[in-house]
N, C-alpha and C. Protein backbone atom coordinates (compact mmCIF):
# COMPACT_ATOMS: atom_id res chain seq x y z
N VAL A 1 1.02 -0.76 -0.10
CA VAL A 1 -0.22 0.09 -0.06
C VAL A 1 0.85 1.16 0.03
N PHE A 2 0.55 2.30 -0.77
CA PHE A 2 1.61 3.28 -1.14
C PHE A 2 0.76 3.95 -0.13
N LEU A 3 1.69 4.77 0.47
CA LEU A 3 0.87 6.27 1.87
C LEU A 3 1.31 7.59 0.77
N ASN A 4 1.91 7.53 0.46
CA ASN A 4 2.16 8.86 -0.62
C ASN A 4 2.31 8.93 -2.06
N ASP A 5 2.20 9.81 -2.82
CA ASP A 5 2.85 9.87 -3.88
C ASP A 5 4.36 10.18 -4.17
N VAL A 6 4.49 9.59 -5.49
CA VAL A 6 5.84 9.84 -5.83
C VAL A 6 5.46 10.90 -7.01
N PRO A 7 5.99 12.24 -7.38
CA PRO A 7 5.43 12.70 -8.47
C PRO A 7 6.61 11.51 -9.59
N ALA A 8 5.60 11.65 -10.84
CA ALA A 8 6.60 11.17 -12.30
C ALA A 8 7.51 11.52 -12.58
N HIS A 9 8.13 13.42 -12.06
CA HIS A 9 9.60 13.86 -12.56
C HIS A 9 10.37 13.96 -11.51
N ASP A 10 10.23 12.85 -10.62
CA ASP A 10 10.97 12.61 -10.13
C ASP A 10 12.35 10.77 -10.68
N GLY A 11 11.81 10.34 -11.42
CA GLY A 11 12.04 9.66 -11.97
C GLY A 11 12.41 8.33 -11.70
N GLY A 12 12.13 7.89 -11.00
CA GLY A 12 12.44 6.70 -9.87
C GLY A 12 11.47 6.17 -8.89
N GLY A 13 11.48 5.68 -8.26
CA GLY A 13 10.77 5.76 -7.20
C GLY A 13 9.35 4.49 -6.65
N PHE A 14 9.94 3.55 -8.58
CA PHE A 14 8.67 2.66 -8.85
C PHE A 14 8.97 1.34 -8.14
N LEU A 15 7.82 1.06 -8.01
CA LEU A 15 7.94 -0.88 -7.54
C LEU A 15 7.86 -1.42 -9.32
N HIS A 16 9.19 -2.42 -9.01
CA HIS A 16 9.23 -3.01 -10.67
C HIS A 16 9.62 -4.16 -10.57
N PHE A 17 8.99 -4.61 -11.14
CA PHE A 17 8.58 -6.30 -11.59
C PHE A 17 9.67 -6.56 -13.33
N PRO A 18 10.66 -7.09 -13.17
CA PRO A 18 11.67 -6.54 -14.00
C PRO A 18 11.13 -7.58 -15.05
N LYS A 19 10.73 -9.16 -15.04
CA LYS A 19 10.63 -10.28 -15.66
C LYS A 19 9.40 -9.90 -15.64
N LEU A 20 8.28 -9.25 -15.98
CA LEU A 20 6.80 -8.82 -16.52
C LEU A 20 7.51 -7.54 -16.83
N GLY A 21 8.32 -7.09 -17.43
CA GLY A 21 8.35 -5.12 -17.47
C GLY A 21 8.03 -4.35 -17.43
N LEU A 22 7.22 -4.75 -15.75
CA LEU A 22 6.06 -3.48 -15.46
C LEU A 22 6.91 -2.95 -14.43
N ARG A 23 6.85 -1.57 -14.34
CA ARG A 23 7.08 -0.26 -13.28
C ARG A 23 5.53 0.19 -12.33
N VAL A 24 5.90 1.09 -11.28
CA VAL A 24 4.72 0.93 -10.94
C VAL A 24 4.97 2.23 -10.67
N LEU A 25 4.14 3.46 -10.25
CA LEU A 25 4.74 4.44 -9.82
C LEU A 25 3.94 5.14 -8.71
N PRO A 26 4.23 4.99 -7.14
CA PRO A 26 3.20 4.73 -6.27
C PRO A 26 2.64 5.85 -6.61
N LYS A 27 1.18 6.41 -6.34
CA LYS A 27 0.47 7.01 -5.73
C LYS A 27 -1.00 6.65 -4.10
N ALA A 28 -0.83 7.54 -3.23
CA ALA A 28 -0.94 7.15 -2.51
C ALA A 28 -2.56 6.65 -2.27
N GLY A 29 -2.60 5.75 -1.55
CA GLY A 29 -3.61 4.66 -1.16
C GLY A 29 -4.12 3.63 -2.35
N SER A 30 -3.21 3.60 -3.14
CA SER A 30 -3.11 2.62 -4.00
C SER A 30 -2.78 1.12 -3.82
N ALA A 31 -2.84 0.22 -4.00
CA ALA A 31 -2.28 -1.05 -3.61
C ALA A 31 -2.10 -1.94 -4.52
N VAL A 32 -0.83 -2.92 -4.51
CA VAL A 32 -0.41 -3.61 -5.76
C VAL A 32 -0.45 -5.26 -4.94
N LEU A 33 -1.14 -6.43 -5.22
CA LEU A 33 -1.12 -7.56 -5.20
C LEU A 33 -0.79 -8.24 -5.71
N TRP A 34 0.34 -9.44 -5.46
CA TRP A 34 0.61 -10.95 -6.53
C TRP A 34 0.73 -11.61 -5.50
N ARG A 35 1.34 -12.77 -6.01
CA ARG A 35 1.23 -13.79 -5.63
C ARG A 35 2.56 -14.20 -5.71
N ASN A 36 3.41 -15.07 -4.62
CA ASN A 36 5.29 -15.23 -4.69
C ASN A 36 4.83 -16.73 -5.52
N LEU A 37 3.74 -17.28 -5.14
CA LEU A 37 3.74 -18.75 -5.49
C LEU A 37 2.65 -19.45 -6.56
N ARG A 38 3.16 -20.29 -6.98
CA ARG A 38 2.57 -21.22 -7.54
C ARG A 38 1.48 -21.81 -7.34
N PRO A 39 0.96 -22.36 -8.08
CA PRO A 39 -0.65 -23.03 -7.27
C PRO A 39 -0.23 -24.48 -7.02
N SER A 40 1.08 -24.75 -7.34
CA SER A 40 2.10 -26.00 -6.65
C SER A 40 2.54 -25.55 -5.53
N GLY A 41 2.87 -24.20 -5.15
CA GLY A 41 3.53 -24.29 -3.80
C GLY A 41 5.06 -23.45 -4.37
N GLU A 42 5.21 -24.16 -5.41
CA GLU A 42 6.57 -23.49 -6.13
C GLU A 42 6.73 -22.02 -6.01
N PRO A 43 7.92 -21.57 -5.46
CA PRO A 43 7.88 -19.72 -6.14
C PRO A 43 7.95 -19.55 -7.60
N ASP A 44 7.30 -18.60 -7.79
CA ASP A 44 6.84 -17.98 -9.29
C ASP A 44 8.09 -16.94 -9.49
N PRO A 45 8.99 -16.99 -10.20
CA PRO A 45 9.64 -16.25 -10.89
C PRO A 45 9.17 -14.76 -11.48
N ASP A 46 8.55 -14.84 -12.27
CA ASP A 46 7.73 -13.98 -12.16
C ASP A 46 7.07 -12.61 -11.25
N SER A 47 6.96 -13.40 -9.76
CA SER A 47 6.51 -12.45 -8.91
C SER A 47 8.23 -11.46 -8.38
N LEU A 48 9.30 -11.67 -9.42
CA LEU A 48 10.81 -11.04 -8.48
C LEU A 48 10.33 -9.61 -8.91
N HIS A 49 10.37 -8.96 -7.26
CA HIS A 49 10.55 -7.55 -7.96
C HIS A 49 11.47 -7.23 -6.69
N GLU A 50 11.29 -5.55 -7.27
CA GLU A 50 12.58 -4.53 -6.06
C GLU A 50 11.66 -2.89 -6.08
N GLY A 51 11.77 -2.78 -4.94
CA GLY A 51 11.69 -1.04 -4.98
C GLY A 51 12.37 -0.19 -4.85
N GLU A 52 12.10 0.45 -6.13
CA GLU A 52 13.42 1.37 -6.89
C GLU A 52 13.10 2.92 -5.83
N PRO A 53 14.64 3.18 -5.53
CA PRO A 53 14.34 4.27 -4.32
C PRO A 53 14.03 5.35 -5.33
N PRO A 54 13.43 6.45 -5.17
CA PRO A 54 13.02 7.68 -5.64
C PRO A 54 14.36 8.57 -5.71
N PHE A 55 14.51 9.17 -6.49
CA PHE A 55 15.78 9.93 -6.78
C PHE A 55 15.37 11.39 -5.85
N ALA A 56 14.21 12.56 -5.91
CA ALA A 56 14.23 13.21 -4.93
C ALA A 56 13.41 13.45 -4.14
N SER A 57 12.31 12.62 -3.81
CA SER A 57 11.58 12.56 -3.11
C SER A 57 11.49 11.82 -2.30
N GLU A 58 10.33 11.36 -1.52
CA GLU A 58 10.33 10.45 -0.59
C GLU A 58 9.32 9.62 -1.28
N LYS A 59 9.22 8.16 -0.36
CA LYS A 59 8.78 7.10 -0.52
C LYS A 59 8.11 6.86 0.67
N LEU A 60 6.63 6.33 1.08
CA LEU A 60 6.41 5.83 2.08
C LEU A 60 5.42 4.55 1.54
N ALA A 61 5.66 3.38 2.19
CA ALA A 61 4.80 2.55 1.95
C ALA A 61 4.35 1.56 2.77
N MET A 62 3.58 0.34 3.23
CA MET A 62 3.29 -0.30 3.83
C MET A 62 3.18 -1.99 3.93
N ASN A 63 3.96 -2.68 3.85
CA ASN A 63 3.78 -3.91 3.41
C ASN A 63 2.86 -5.06 3.84
N VAL A 64 1.60 -5.86 3.27
CA VAL A 64 1.25 -6.59 3.78
C VAL A 64 1.48 -7.97 3.12
N TRP A 65 1.90 -8.64 3.91
CA TRP A 65 1.46 -10.13 3.62
C TRP A 65 0.24 -11.06 3.93
N VAL A 66 0.17 -12.25 3.12
CA VAL A 66 -1.44 -12.94 3.09
C VAL A 66 -1.24 -13.95 2.84
N ALA A 67 -1.40 -14.95 3.61
CA ALA A 67 -1.25 -16.64 2.94
C ALA A 67 -2.67 -16.89 3.05
N ASP A 68 -2.22 -17.96 2.01
CA ASP A 68 -4.02 -18.81 1.72
C ASP A 68 -3.44 -19.97 2.03
N ARG A 69 -2.66 -20.46 2.62
CA ARG A 69 -2.19 -22.13 3.24
C ARG A 69 -1.45 -21.75 4.02
N PRO A 70 -1.22 -22.87 5.19
CA PRO A 70 -0.48 -22.51 6.11
C PRO A 70 0.92 -22.58 5.64
N PHE A 71 1.83 -21.82 6.45
CA PHE A 71 3.17 -21.36 6.74
C PHE A 71 3.94 -21.75 7.79
N THR A 72 4.13 -23.00 7.41
CA THR A 72 5.20 -23.95 8.30
C THR A 72 6.09 -23.75 7.88
N LEU A 73 7.16 -24.40 9.07
CA LEU A 73 8.16 -24.74 8.90
C LEU A 73 8.20 -25.98 7.84
N ALA A 74 8.17 -27.28 8.28
CA ALA A 74 7.67 -28.52 7.32
C ALA A 74 7.48 -27.84 5.89
N ALA A 75 6.84 -27.01 5.04
CA ALA A 75 6.98 -26.84 4.10
C ALA A 75 7.81 -25.78 3.90
N ILE A 76 8.25 -25.41 4.17
CA ILE A 76 9.71 -24.30 3.76
C ILE A 76 11.24 -25.45 3.49
N GLN A 77 10.74 -26.01 4.52
CA GLN A 77 11.88 -27.31 4.29
C GLN A 77 12.10 -28.46 3.28
N ALA A 78 10.96 -28.72 2.98
CA ALA A 78 10.34 -29.34 2.15
C ALA A 78 10.65 -28.53 0.56
N TRP A 79 10.56 -27.15 0.86
CA TRP A 79 10.55 -26.65 -0.78
C TRP A 79 12.19 -26.12 -0.67
N ARG A 80 13.12 -25.85 0.34
CA ARG A 80 14.21 -25.62 0.54
C ARG A 80 15.17 -27.27 0.22
N GLU A 81 14.42 -28.36 0.11
CA GLU A 81 15.35 -29.66 -0.24
C GLU A 81 14.87 -29.98 -1.78
N ARG A 82 13.93 -29.75 -2.35
CA ARG A 82 13.18 -29.66 -3.53
C ARG A 82 14.30 -28.47 -4.09
N ALA A 83 14.61 -27.35 -3.62
CA ALA A 83 15.39 -26.66 -4.48
C ALA A 83 17.24 -27.00 -4.08
N GLN A 84 17.29 -27.57 -3.68
CA GLN A 84 18.23 -28.01 -3.50
C GLN A 84 18.80 -29.29 -4.78
N ARG A 85 17.96 -30.45 -4.40
CA ARG A 85 17.91 -31.12 -5.51
C ARG A 85 18.11 -30.50 -7.24
N GLU A 86 17.32 -29.81 -7.27
CA GLU A 86 17.03 -28.88 -8.71
C GLU A 86 18.46 -28.17 -8.50
N GLN A 87 19.06 -27.64 -7.86
CA GLN A 87 20.45 -26.96 -7.84
C GLN A 87 21.61 -28.75 -8.59
N ALA A 88 21.57 -29.31 -7.82
CA ALA A 88 22.51 -30.50 -8.04
C ALA A 88 22.40 -31.44 -9.31
N ARG A 89 21.02 -30.61 -9.73
CA ARG A 89 21.28 -31.37 -11.27
C ARG A 89 21.97 -31.26 -12.62
N PRO A 90 22.86 -31.50 -12.65
CA PRO A 90 23.27 -31.25 -13.89
C PRO A 90 22.34 -30.51 -14.93
N ARG A 91 22.91 -29.08 -15.57
CA ARG A 91 22.36 -28.87 -16.52
C ARG A 91 23.10 -28.47 -18.05
N SER A 92 22.95 -28.81 -19.19
CA SER A 92 23.43 -27.86 -19.87
C SER A 92 23.64 -26.46 -19.98
N CYS A 93 24.35 -25.62 -20.51
CA CYS A 93 24.34 -24.08 -20.33
C CYS A 93 24.23 -23.87 -21.88
N GLY A 94 23.97 -24.62 -22.78
CA GLY A 94 23.31 -24.15 -24.17
C GLY A 94 23.98 -23.94 -25.27
N LEU A 95 25.90 -24.41 -24.94
CA LEU A 95 26.79 -23.69 -25.75
C LEU A 95 26.98 -25.08 -27.02
N VAL A 96 27.23 -24.90 -28.26
CA VAL A 96 27.86 -26.34 -28.91
C VAL A 96 28.68 -25.58 -29.60
N GLU A 97 29.45 -26.82 -29.07
CA GLU A 97 30.87 -26.69 -29.51
C GLU A 97 30.84 -26.09 -31.10
N LEU A 98 31.38 -25.81 -32.08
CA LEU A 98 31.86 -25.23 -33.22
C LEU A 98 33.42 -26.11 -33.62
N ASP A 99 33.11 -26.59 -35.07
CA ASP A 99 34.34 -27.58 -35.54
C ASP A 99 35.20 -26.14 -36.55
C-alpha cells in the first residue's frame, strides 16, 4: 500500500517487476497485490520485484503479507530440499562446440 505520491518527474521510486517489464509509480492509497507462489507451492519467478528508490522525493509504503495456506517450517524445509535437488542436477548451458 503506497502512503504517498512519488511525482513522475522524480524519475525513480517505482515498484519494478523486471521479468514482467512492469514498473508501478506509487500513488497514495493505491496498492499492488501479487502471488509469490504458484498453485503448486513453488516460487513464481515472475514475482521477482524491487522497490526502486526515488531520486529527489520520499516514498512511504506499507507491506502486508497474506497467506492462503498454512505457512509451516515443514513446508519451508520441503521447498528448500526440492531447490537443493534442482541445483544438484547437471544442466546444459546451451553452448555448442563448433569445428
